[in-house]
Amino acid sequence: QKGYSFESGVSSGTFEPSNFSVNYYLTAMLFIVFDIEIVFLYPLAVNLDRLGTFGFIELCVFVAVLAIGYVYIWRKGALEWR
């Protein structure tokens, strides 16, 4: 039919974007944040013997901040799928 737009083999009048729940995106963002924190934690754990006491204290502070963040999002209900 002439006069109608046609893109990617799908008529533009029949295409509806798929709807994802906001909880899906929130869970994905939280996963990325905590995954990146684990990536930063790995080099500290591997080189802990070279870093000494200061490295151990830094590691403990980092894990404490990570735990506080986890408890915060848990209490806010961000981990519940509604």
N, C-alpha and C. Protein backbone atom coordinates (compact mmCIF):
# COMPACT_ATOMS: atom_id res chain seq x y z
N GLN A 1 0.84 -1.17 0.00
CA GLN A 1 0.00 0.00 0.00
C GLN A 1 0.88 1.23 0.00
N LYS A 2 0.64 2.07 -0.93
CA LYS A 2 1.41 3.30 -1.00
C LYS A 2 0.88 4.30 0.02
N GLY A 3 1.79 5.14 0.49
CA GLY A 3 1.39 6.19 1.42
C GLY A 3 1.54 5.80 2.89
N TYR A 4 1.89 4.54 3.17
CA TYR A 4 2.10 4.11 4.55
C TYR A 4 3.59 3.89 4.80
N SER A 5 4.01 4.25 5.98
CA SER A 5 5.42 4.02 6.31
C SER A 5 5.63 2.54 6.62
N PHE A 6 6.80 2.07 6.26
CA PHE A 6 7.13 0.66 6.44
C PHE A 6 8.58 0.58 6.85
N GLU A 7 8.84 0.02 8.01
CA GLU A 7 10.21 -0.02 8.50
C GLU A 7 10.51 -1.39 9.08
N SER A 8 11.60 -1.96 8.71
CA SER A 8 12.09 -3.24 9.24
C SER A 8 11.11 -4.38 9.00
N GLY A 9 10.32 -4.30 7.99
CA GLY A 9 9.40 -5.37 7.69
C GLY A 9 8.15 -5.38 8.55
N VAL A 10 7.96 -4.38 9.38
CA VAL A 10 6.80 -4.31 10.26
C VAL A 10 6.05 -3.03 9.97
N SER A 11 4.78 -3.15 9.76
CA SER A 11 3.97 -1.96 9.52
C SER A 11 3.97 -1.10 10.77
N SER A 12 4.13 0.21 10.61
CA SER A 12 4.25 1.08 11.78
C SER A 12 2.97 1.17 12.57
N GLY A 13 1.85 0.86 11.98
CA GLY A 13 0.58 0.93 12.69
C GLY A 13 0.34 -0.25 13.60
N THR A 14 1.02 -1.36 13.39
CA THR A 14 0.78 -2.55 14.19
C THR A 14 1.87 -2.81 15.23
N PHE A 15 2.93 -2.03 15.19
CA PHE A 15 4.05 -2.29 16.10
C PHE A 15 3.83 -1.57 17.42
N GLU A 16 3.88 -2.33 18.49
CA GLU A 16 3.82 -1.75 19.83
C GLU A 16 5.09 -2.15 20.56
N PRO A 17 5.77 -1.20 21.16
CA PRO A 17 6.98 -1.56 21.89
C PRO A 17 6.63 -2.44 23.09
N SER A 18 7.51 -3.38 23.37
CA SER A 18 7.26 -4.26 24.51
C SER A 18 7.43 -3.48 25.80
N ASN A 19 6.57 -3.77 26.73
CA ASN A 19 6.61 -3.07 28.01
C ASN A 19 7.37 -3.91 29.03
N PHE A 20 8.36 -3.29 29.64
CA PHE A 20 9.08 -3.94 30.73
C PHE A 20 8.69 -3.26 32.02
N SER A 21 8.63 -4.02 33.06
CA SER A 21 8.30 -3.47 34.36
C SER A 21 9.44 -2.59 34.85
N VAL A 22 9.10 -1.57 35.62
CA VAL A 22 10.12 -0.71 36.22
C VAL A 22 10.99 -1.53 37.16
N ASN A 23 10.41 -2.54 37.78
CA ASN A 23 11.18 -3.40 38.68
C ASN A 23 12.29 -4.13 37.94
N TYR A 24 12.06 -4.45 36.69
CA TYR A 24 13.10 -5.11 35.89
C TYR A 24 14.31 -4.19 35.75
N TYR A 25 14.07 -2.93 35.41
CA TYR A 25 15.17 -1.98 35.25
C TYR A 25 15.85 -1.70 36.58
N LEU A 26 15.07 -1.59 37.65
CA LEU A 26 15.65 -1.34 38.97
C LEU A 26 16.55 -2.50 39.39
N THR A 27 16.08 -3.71 39.18
CA THR A 27 16.89 -4.89 39.52
C THR A 27 18.16 -4.93 38.67
N ALA A 28 18.05 -4.59 37.41
CA ALA A 28 19.23 -4.57 36.54
C ALA A 28 20.23 -3.52 36.99
N MET A 29 19.76 -2.34 37.35
CA MET A 29 20.67 -1.28 37.81
C MET A 29 21.35 -1.67 39.12
N LEU A 30 20.59 -2.25 40.05
CA LEU A 30 21.19 -2.68 41.31
C LEU A 30 22.22 -3.78 41.08
N PHE A 31 21.93 -4.69 40.17
CA PHE A 31 22.90 -5.73 39.84
C PHE A 31 24.18 -5.13 39.30
N ILE A 32 24.07 -4.16 38.40
CA ILE A 32 25.25 -3.54 37.82
C ILE A 32 26.06 -2.82 38.88
N VAL A 33 25.40 -2.08 39.76
CA VAL A 33 26.11 -1.35 40.82
C VAL A 33 26.87 -2.31 41.72
N PHE A 34 26.21 -3.36 42.20
CA PHE A 34 26.89 -4.29 43.10
C PHE A 34 27.93 -5.13 42.36
N ASP A 35 27.71 -5.40 41.10
CA ASP A 35 28.70 -6.14 40.31
C ASP A 35 29.97 -5.31 40.14
N ILE A 36 29.83 -4.03 39.88
CA ILE A 36 31.00 -3.16 39.75
C ILE A 36 31.74 -3.06 41.07
N GLU A 37 31.02 -3.03 42.18
CA GLU A 37 31.68 -2.99 43.48
C GLU A 37 32.48 -4.26 43.73
N ILE A 38 31.96 -5.38 43.30
CA ILE A 38 32.70 -6.64 43.44
C ILE A 38 33.96 -6.62 42.58
N VAL A 39 33.88 -6.02 41.40
CA VAL A 39 35.06 -5.90 40.54
C VAL A 39 36.13 -5.06 41.22
N PHE A 40 35.74 -4.02 41.94
CA PHE A 40 36.71 -3.22 42.69
C PHE A 40 37.24 -3.96 43.92
N LEU A 41 36.45 -4.85 44.46
CA LEU A 41 36.85 -5.58 45.66
C LEU A 41 37.88 -6.66 45.35
N TYR A 42 37.82 -7.25 44.18
CA TYR A 42 38.70 -8.36 43.83
C TYR A 42 40.19 -8.01 43.90
N PRO A 43 40.66 -6.89 43.31
CA PRO A 43 42.09 -6.57 43.41
C PRO A 43 42.54 -6.32 44.85
N LEU A 44 41.67 -5.75 45.66
CA LEU A 44 42.04 -5.56 47.07
C LEU A 44 42.24 -6.90 47.77
N ALA A 45 41.36 -7.84 47.50
CA ALA A 45 41.47 -9.14 48.15
C ALA A 45 42.70 -9.91 47.67
N VAL A 46 43.04 -9.79 46.40
CA VAL A 46 44.20 -10.50 45.86
C VAL A 46 45.50 -9.93 46.42
N ASN A 47 45.59 -8.62 46.57
CA ASN A 47 46.82 -7.97 47.03
C ASN A 47 46.79 -7.60 48.50
N LEU A 48 45.96 -8.25 49.27
CA LEU A 48 45.82 -7.90 50.68
C LEU A 48 47.11 -8.10 51.46
N ASP A 49 47.88 -9.13 51.14
CA ASP A 49 49.13 -9.37 51.87
C ASP A 49 50.15 -8.27 51.61
N ARG A 50 50.15 -7.67 50.43
CA ARG A 50 51.08 -6.58 50.13
C ARG A 50 50.62 -5.25 50.71
N LEU A 51 49.33 -5.09 50.91
CA LEU A 51 48.80 -3.82 51.39
C LEU A 51 48.92 -3.67 52.91
N GLY A 52 48.99 -4.76 53.61
CA GLY A 52 49.20 -4.71 55.06
C GLY A 52 47.95 -4.27 55.82
N THR A 53 48.20 -3.64 56.96
CA THR A 53 47.11 -3.23 57.85
C THR A 53 46.21 -2.18 57.21
N PHE A 54 46.83 -1.22 56.52
CA PHE A 54 46.04 -0.18 55.87
C PHE A 54 45.11 -0.78 54.81
N GLY A 55 45.61 -1.74 54.06
CA GLY A 55 44.79 -2.41 53.06
C GLY A 55 43.64 -3.18 53.68
N PHE A 56 43.91 -3.82 54.82
CA PHE A 56 42.85 -4.55 55.51
C PHE A 56 41.77 -3.60 56.01
N ILE A 57 42.18 -2.47 56.58
CA ILE A 57 41.20 -1.48 57.06
C ILE A 57 40.40 -0.92 55.88
N GLU A 58 41.09 -0.64 54.78
CA GLU A 58 40.39 -0.15 53.59
C GLU A 58 39.39 -1.18 53.07
N LEU A 59 39.78 -2.44 53.08
CA LEU A 59 38.89 -3.51 52.65
C LEU A 59 37.67 -3.60 53.56
N CYS A 60 37.88 -3.49 54.86
CA CYS A 60 36.77 -3.55 55.81
C CYS A 60 35.81 -2.38 55.63
N VAL A 61 36.36 -1.19 55.41
CA VAL A 61 35.51 -0.01 55.18
C VAL A 61 34.70 -0.19 53.89
N PHE A 62 35.34 -0.69 52.85
CA PHE A 62 34.66 -0.90 51.58
C PHE A 62 33.52 -1.90 51.72
N VAL A 63 33.78 -3.00 52.42
CA VAL A 63 32.74 -4.02 52.63
C VAL A 63 31.63 -3.46 53.51
N ALA A 64 31.97 -2.62 54.50
CA ALA A 64 30.95 -2.01 55.35
C ALA A 64 30.05 -1.08 54.55
N VAL A 65 30.64 -0.28 53.67
CA VAL A 65 29.83 0.61 52.83
C VAL A 65 28.94 -0.21 51.90
N LEU A 66 29.47 -1.28 51.36
CA LEU A 66 28.69 -2.17 50.50
C LEU A 66 27.52 -2.78 51.28
N ALA A 67 27.78 -3.23 52.49
CA ALA A 67 26.73 -3.82 53.32
C ALA A 67 25.68 -2.79 53.71
N ILE A 68 26.11 -1.58 54.04
CA ILE A 68 25.15 -0.52 54.38
C ILE A 68 24.26 -0.20 53.19
N GLY A 69 24.84 -0.14 52.00
CA GLY A 69 24.05 0.09 50.80
C GLY A 69 23.06 -1.02 50.53
N TYR A 70 23.49 -2.25 50.74
CA TYR A 70 22.59 -3.39 50.54
C TYR A 70 21.43 -3.36 51.53
N VAL A 71 21.72 -3.09 52.81
CA VAL A 71 20.67 -3.02 53.82
C VAL A 71 19.72 -1.87 53.52
N TYR A 72 20.25 -0.76 53.04
CA TYR A 72 19.41 0.39 52.71
C TYR A 72 18.40 0.05 51.60
N ILE A 73 18.88 -0.56 50.52
CA ILE A 73 17.94 -0.87 49.44
C ILE A 73 16.99 -2.01 49.84
N TRP A 74 17.44 -2.87 50.73
CA TRP A 74 16.57 -3.93 51.23
C TRP A 74 15.44 -3.34 52.06
N ARG A 75 15.77 -2.40 52.96
CA ARG A 75 14.76 -1.76 53.81
C ARG A 75 13.80 -0.88 53.00
N LYS A 76 14.29 -0.28 51.93
CA LYS A 76 13.44 0.56 51.08
C LYS A 76 12.48 -0.29 50.23
N GLY A 77 12.71 -1.59 50.18
CA GLY A 77 11.84 -2.48 49.42
C GLY A 77 12.19 -2.57 47.95
N ALA A 78 13.39 -2.14 47.59
CA ALA A 78 13.78 -2.17 46.18
C ALA A 78 14.03 -3.58 45.68
N LEU A 79 14.22 -4.53 46.56
CA LEU A 79 14.49 -5.90 46.15
C LEU A 79 13.22 -6.73 46.01
N GLU A 80 12.07 -6.16 46.38
CA GLU A 80 10.80 -6.88 46.28
C GLU A 80 10.20 -6.67 44.90
N TRP A 81 9.74 -7.75 44.31
CA TRP A 81 9.14 -7.67 42.99
C TRP A 81 7.64 -7.45 43.16
N ARG A 82 7.17 -6.26 42.79
CA ARG A 82 5.74 -5.93 42.96
C ARG A 82 5.03 -5.96 41.65
